[in-house]
Amino acid sequence: MKKVLVTGGTQGVGLETVKLLLEQGYEVHITYRKSAGKAEELMQENPGRVFAHKLDQGNLEEIEKADFLTEHEWYGVIFNAALGSGTVKEYAEQGDPLKAANDIAMMTVNALGPLWIYKKIQPVIEAKTEKTKLVFISSVGGGIACFPKFTLSDGMSKCAVAYLAKQIAAENTHTPIDVFCVSPGAIETPMFYSSTLKGMSPEERKAFDEAQSKKRLIQPEEIANLLTYLLRDESTILHGGNIDATMGLGTRPGIQTEAGLEHN
């Protein structure tokens, strides 16, 4: 049974990806930071198929001690765990005048975390002779386009992920390791709700949806379908690609500013 690791696998895109991977016959390993209850639920519902590992990918020491990362010959790794402009406040201590704690958390969790995990598993996957699939998740903001008034460290950290994927892909054009980056647009996830949708009235939400590309938000299961496709053999031709999964938002980023949306 092929083993796939999904970082941040207890909610949003990560959770929907886990569900699809189970349907497709994979053994799924997930990481979580706070969602121990959901992680335990997934393991109980899928005994011998789901394995959960507590890991704060913004903590270098935890990654260094995470032996599970090197105990398995991963068929695929989906680098999904990330902070957004809303959720970072739950991770970083607030109150400093420059909001530097938020910036540090963004760069550490979103950019350095995937880098450190990759460096940890690199000797294992490079020693394999079979295919390995690495899928990084960036964002429309930073990975594809730039938006006025978007939180700077958020966009910078997502841009770093896109670059990391591109660099690793360049180093593996002659190996069995396939590398991809997916840059989604506005997804209806708990993270996006916290950063953007939470304060909207029903009327404001309706107007917001109407202003989006295709007049709706992307659903987590749509991105999950793309991520699981990239684990298939035929995805090799996309090696090194930064895939625009924004329904056109990356092509026309003005949609967000035209709607008066600001990311703080």
Protein backbone atom coordinates (compact mmCIF):
# COMPACT_ATOMS: atom_id res chain seq x y z
CA MET A 1 0.00 0.00 0.00
CA LYS A 2 1.45 3.37 -1.02
CA LYS A 3 2.05 5.79 1.84
CA VAL A 4 1.21 9.48 1.56
CA LEU A 5 1.94 12.19 4.11
CA VAL A 6 -0.42 15.17 4.33
CA THR A 7 0.69 17.97 6.61
CA GLY A 8 -2.25 19.69 8.29
CA GLY A 9 -4.67 16.88 7.51
CA THR A 10 -7.48 17.57 9.98
CA GLN A 11 -9.44 20.38 8.31
CA GLY A 12 -10.12 22.22 5.07
CA VAL A 13 -8.21 21.10 1.98
CA GLY A 14 -6.09 18.71 4.03
CA LEU A 15 -9.07 16.83 5.41
CA GLU A 16 -10.78 16.58 2.02
CA THR A 17 -7.53 15.28 0.55
CA VAL A 18 -7.27 12.63 3.26
CA LYS A 19 -10.80 11.44 2.48
CA LEU A 20 -10.02 11.12 -1.24
CA LEU A 21 -6.73 9.35 -0.60
CA LEU A 22 -8.51 6.77 1.56
CA GLU A 23 -11.07 6.18 -1.19
CA GLN A 24 -8.20 5.64 -3.61
CA GLY A 25 -6.51 3.02 -1.45
CA TYR A 26 -3.57 4.87 0.08
CA GLU A 27 -2.20 4.58 3.60
CA VAL A 28 -2.43 8.15 4.89
CA HIS A 29 -0.27 9.83 7.48
CA ILE A 30 -1.25 13.29 8.72
CA THR A 31 0.28 15.91 10.92
CA TYR A 32 -1.63 18.18 13.27
CA ARG A 33 -0.79 20.83 15.86
CA LYS A 34 -3.92 21.38 17.95
CA SER A 35 -6.60 19.16 16.41
CA ALA A 36 -5.87 16.04 18.46
CA GLY A 37 -9.56 15.16 18.71
CA LYS A 38 -10.09 15.18 14.95
CA ALA A 39 -6.85 13.29 14.38
CA GLU A 40 -7.92 10.58 16.82
CA GLU A 41 -11.34 10.39 15.18
CA LEU A 42 -9.78 9.85 11.75
CA MET A 43 -7.58 7.05 13.10
CA GLN A 44 -10.48 5.32 14.87
CA GLU A 45 -12.65 5.50 11.75
CA ASN A 46 -9.82 4.15 9.57
CA PRO A 47 -7.78 1.69 11.64
CA GLY A 48 -4.52 0.72 9.98
CA ARG A 49 -5.15 3.26 7.20
CA VAL A 50 -4.72 6.64 8.92
CA PHE A 51 -1.84 7.52 11.23
CA ALA A 52 -1.66 10.91 12.94
CA HIS A 53 1.50 12.62 14.15
CA LYS A 54 1.56 15.71 16.33
CA LEU A 55 3.95 18.19 14.75
CA ASP A 56 4.36 21.94 14.86
CA GLN A 57 6.13 22.63 11.58
CA GLY A 58 7.12 26.06 12.84
CA ASN A 59 9.26 24.38 15.49
CA LEU A 60 12.63 23.22 14.17
CA GLU A 61 13.34 21.06 17.21
CA GLU A 62 10.08 19.14 16.73
CA ILE A 63 10.89 18.49 13.09
CA GLU A 64 14.39 17.32 13.96
CA LYS A 65 12.90 14.84 16.46
CA ALA A 66 10.06 13.69 14.16
CA ASP A 67 11.35 10.18 13.44
CA PHE A 68 8.17 9.22 11.57
CA LEU A 69 9.33 11.48 8.72
CA THR A 70 12.24 9.15 7.97
CA GLU A 71 10.71 5.82 9.02
CA HIS A 72 8.61 5.55 5.85
CA GLU A 73 9.45 5.50 2.16
CA TRP A 74 6.84 8.04 1.17
CA TYR A 75 5.17 7.67 -2.18
CA GLY A 76 3.82 11.18 -1.84
CA VAL A 77 4.10 14.19 0.44
CA ILE A 78 1.52 16.99 0.30
CA PHE A 79 2.83 20.11 2.02
CA ASN A 80 -0.50 21.60 3.07
CA ALA A 81 -0.14 23.11 6.57
CA ALA A 82 0.03 26.90 6.46
CA LEU A 83 -1.00 30.05 8.27
CA GLY A 84 -3.16 32.80 6.81
CA SER A 85 -3.67 36.43 7.70
CA GLY A 86 -6.48 35.50 10.09
CA THR A 87 -5.18 32.31 11.66
CA VAL A 88 -1.69 33.64 12.35
CA LYS A 89 -3.11 35.52 15.33
CA GLU A 90 -3.84 32.19 16.99
CA TYR A 91 -0.22 31.14 16.56
CA ALA A 92 1.80 34.25 17.39
CA GLU A 93 1.73 36.38 20.52
CA GLN A 94 0.10 39.72 19.75
CA GLY A 95 0.96 43.23 20.89
CA ASP A 96 4.29 44.24 19.34
CA PRO A 97 4.00 47.52 17.41
CA LEU A 98 5.38 46.16 14.11
CA LYS A 99 3.35 42.93 14.35
CA ALA A 100 6.70 41.23 13.92
CA ALA A 101 5.55 38.11 15.76
CA ASN A 102 3.01 37.55 12.99
CA ASP A 103 5.68 38.05 10.34
CA ILE A 104 8.03 35.58 12.02
CA ALA A 105 5.26 33.01 12.36
CA MET A 106 4.24 33.40 8.71
CA MET A 107 7.76 32.94 7.40
CA THR A 108 8.61 30.13 9.81
CA VAL A 109 5.48 28.00 9.45
CA ASN A 110 4.68 28.67 5.79
CA ALA A 111 8.16 28.73 4.26
CA LEU A 112 10.78 27.31 6.63
CA GLY A 113 8.54 24.49 7.86
CA PRO A 114 8.16 22.86 4.43
CA LEU A 115 11.86 23.44 3.77
CA TRP A 116 12.87 21.72 7.02
CA ILE A 117 10.51 18.80 6.44
CA TYR A 118 11.87 18.38 2.92
CA LYS A 119 15.47 18.42 4.18
CA LYS A 120 14.53 15.82 6.79
CA ILE A 121 13.03 13.40 4.25
CA GLN A 122 15.41 14.21 1.40
CA PRO A 123 17.93 11.40 2.07
CA VAL A 124 15.10 8.85 2.23
CA ILE A 125 13.35 9.82 -0.99
CA GLU A 126 16.60 10.31 -2.90
CA ALA A 127 17.63 6.76 -2.00
CA LYS A 128 14.47 5.32 -3.57
CA THR A 129 14.35 3.91 -7.08
CA GLU A 130 10.55 4.15 -7.28
CA LYS A 131 8.52 7.27 -8.00
CA THR A 132 7.99 9.93 -5.34
CA LYS A 133 5.51 12.80 -5.64
CA LEU A 134 6.06 16.07 -3.77
CA VAL A 135 3.18 18.57 -3.88
CA PHE A 136 3.65 22.03 -2.38
CA ILE A 137 0.72 24.38 -1.83
CA SER A 138 1.34 28.09 -2.25
CA SER A 139 -1.40 30.68 -2.88
CA VAL A 140 -2.71 33.07 -5.49
CA GLY A 141 -1.25 35.81 -3.29
CA GLY A 142 2.50 35.41 -3.62
CA GLY A 143 2.55 32.29 -5.76
CA ILE A 144 0.68 33.73 -8.76
CA ALA A 145 -0.31 37.38 -8.30
CA CYS A 146 0.07 40.34 -5.95
CA PHE A 147 -2.76 42.20 -4.26
CA PRO A 148 -2.60 45.73 -2.84
CA LYS A 149 -2.87 45.79 0.96
CA PHE A 150 -2.39 42.03 1.27
CA THR A 151 -0.44 41.14 4.43
CA LEU A 152 3.16 41.38 3.26
CA SER A 153 4.66 38.47 5.18
CA ASP A 154 1.75 36.24 4.14
CA GLY A 155 2.43 36.85 0.44
CA MET A 156 6.19 36.66 0.95
CA SER A 157 5.93 33.29 2.69
CA LYS A 158 3.69 31.82 -0.03
CA CYS A 159 6.07 33.15 -2.70
CA ALA A 160 8.90 31.36 -0.91
CA VAL A 161 7.00 28.07 -1.09
CA ALA A 162 6.52 28.47 -4.85
CA TYR A 163 10.24 29.16 -5.22
CA LEU A 164 11.14 26.18 -3.04
CA ALA A 165 9.09 23.86 -5.24
CA LYS A 166 10.67 25.31 -8.38
CA GLN A 167 14.19 24.86 -7.02
CA ILE A 168 13.60 21.27 -5.89
CA ALA A 169 12.00 20.50 -9.25
CA ALA A 170 15.06 21.89 -11.06
CA GLU A 171 17.27 19.58 -9.02
CA ASN A 172 15.18 16.51 -9.85
CA THR A 173 14.70 16.56 -13.60
CA HIS A 174 16.74 13.34 -13.87
CA THR A 175 15.39 11.51 -10.80
CA PRO A 176 12.15 9.61 -10.03
CA ILE A 177 11.05 12.53 -7.81
CA ASP A 178 8.20 14.57 -9.30
CA VAL A 179 7.63 18.05 -7.84
CA PHE A 180 4.61 20.31 -8.22
CA CYS A 181 3.28 23.52 -6.73
CA VAL A 182 -0.44 24.33 -6.58
CA SER A 183 -1.52 27.95 -6.05
CA PRO A 184 -5.23 28.08 -5.20
CA GLY A 185 -7.42 31.15 -5.14
CA ALA A 186 -10.08 31.94 -2.55
CA ILE A 187 -11.15 28.64 -0.95
CA GLU A 188 -14.04 28.34 1.46
CA THR A 189 -12.00 26.96 4.35
CA PRO A 190 -11.96 27.71 8.10
CA MET A 191 -8.78 29.74 7.50
CA PHE A 192 -10.42 31.90 4.83
CA TYR A 193 -13.52 32.27 6.97
CA SER A 194 -11.39 33.55 9.85
CA SER A 195 -9.43 36.02 7.74
CA THR A 196 -12.15 37.28 5.40
CA LEU A 197 -15.69 35.97 5.69
CA LYS A 198 -16.27 36.05 9.43
CA GLY A 199 -17.48 39.64 9.72
CA MET A 200 -19.74 39.67 6.66
CA SER A 201 -23.51 39.98 6.82
CA PRO A 202 -25.54 37.63 4.57
CA GLU A 203 -25.97 40.49 2.09
CA GLU A 204 -22.26 41.29 2.10
CA ARG A 205 -21.41 37.62 1.65
CA LYS A 206 -23.77 37.34 -1.33
CA ALA A 207 -22.20 40.42 -2.93
CA PHE A 208 -18.73 39.06 -2.20
CA ASP A 209 -19.50 35.74 -3.87
CA GLU A 210 -20.99 37.48 -6.89
CA ALA A 211 -17.78 39.51 -7.28
CA GLN A 212 -15.55 36.41 -7.32
CA SER A 213 -14.26 34.74 -10.43
CA LYS A 214 -17.03 32.38 -11.59
CA LYS A 215 -19.21 34.07 -8.93
CA ARG A 216 -18.30 31.67 -6.15
CA LEU A 217 -15.54 30.51 -3.86
CA ILE A 218 -13.49 27.39 -4.57
CA GLN A 219 -14.49 24.39 -2.46
CA PRO A 220 -11.83 22.38 -0.56
CA GLU A 221 -12.75 19.14 -2.32
CA GLU A 222 -11.98 20.73 -5.70
CA ILE A 223 -8.39 21.39 -4.67
CA ALA A 224 -8.22 17.95 -3.05
CA ASN A 225 -9.14 16.39 -6.40
CA LEU A 226 -6.27 18.25 -8.04
CA LEU A 227 -3.80 17.22 -5.35
CA THR A 228 -4.72 13.55 -5.64
CA TYR A 229 -4.48 13.74 -9.43
CA LEU A 230 -0.88 14.90 -9.04
CA LEU A 231 -0.12 11.63 -7.26
CA ARG A 232 -1.01 9.68 -10.40
CA ASP A 233 1.66 8.40 -12.81
CA GLU A 234 0.51 10.59 -15.70
CA SER A 235 1.12 13.82 -13.73
CA THR A 236 4.88 13.55 -14.41
CA ILE A 237 4.51 15.82 -17.45
CA LEU A 238 3.60 18.65 -15.05
CA HIS A 239 6.88 18.28 -13.13
CA GLY A 240 8.09 21.70 -12.02
CA GLY A 241 4.80 23.43 -12.75
CA ASN A 242 3.22 26.09 -10.55
CA ILE A 243 -0.42 25.29 -11.21
CA ASP A 244 -2.85 28.20 -11.19
CA ALA A 245 -5.95 26.84 -9.44
CA THR A 246 -7.73 30.17 -9.01
CA MET A 247 -10.64 30.03 -11.50
CA GLY A 248 -9.18 33.15 -13.11
CA LEU A 249 -8.35 35.21 -10.03
CA GLY A 250 -4.65 34.92 -10.84
CA THR A 251 -5.33 36.22 -14.33
CA ARG A 252 -7.44 39.10 -13.06
CA PRO A 253 -6.39 39.90 -9.47
CA GLY A 254 -8.29 43.19 -9.67
CA ILE A 255 -11.44 41.22 -8.88
CA GLN A 256 -10.51 41.31 -5.20
CA THR A 257 -9.69 45.02 -5.05
CA GLU A 258 -12.72 45.89 -7.15
CA ALA A 259 -14.83 44.21 -4.46
CA GLY A 260 -13.19 46.39 -1.80
CA LEU A 261 -11.54 43.44 -0.09
CA GLU A 262 -8.53 44.13 2.13
CA HIS A 263 -6.30 41.57 3.85
CA ASN A 264 -4.95 42.87 7.15
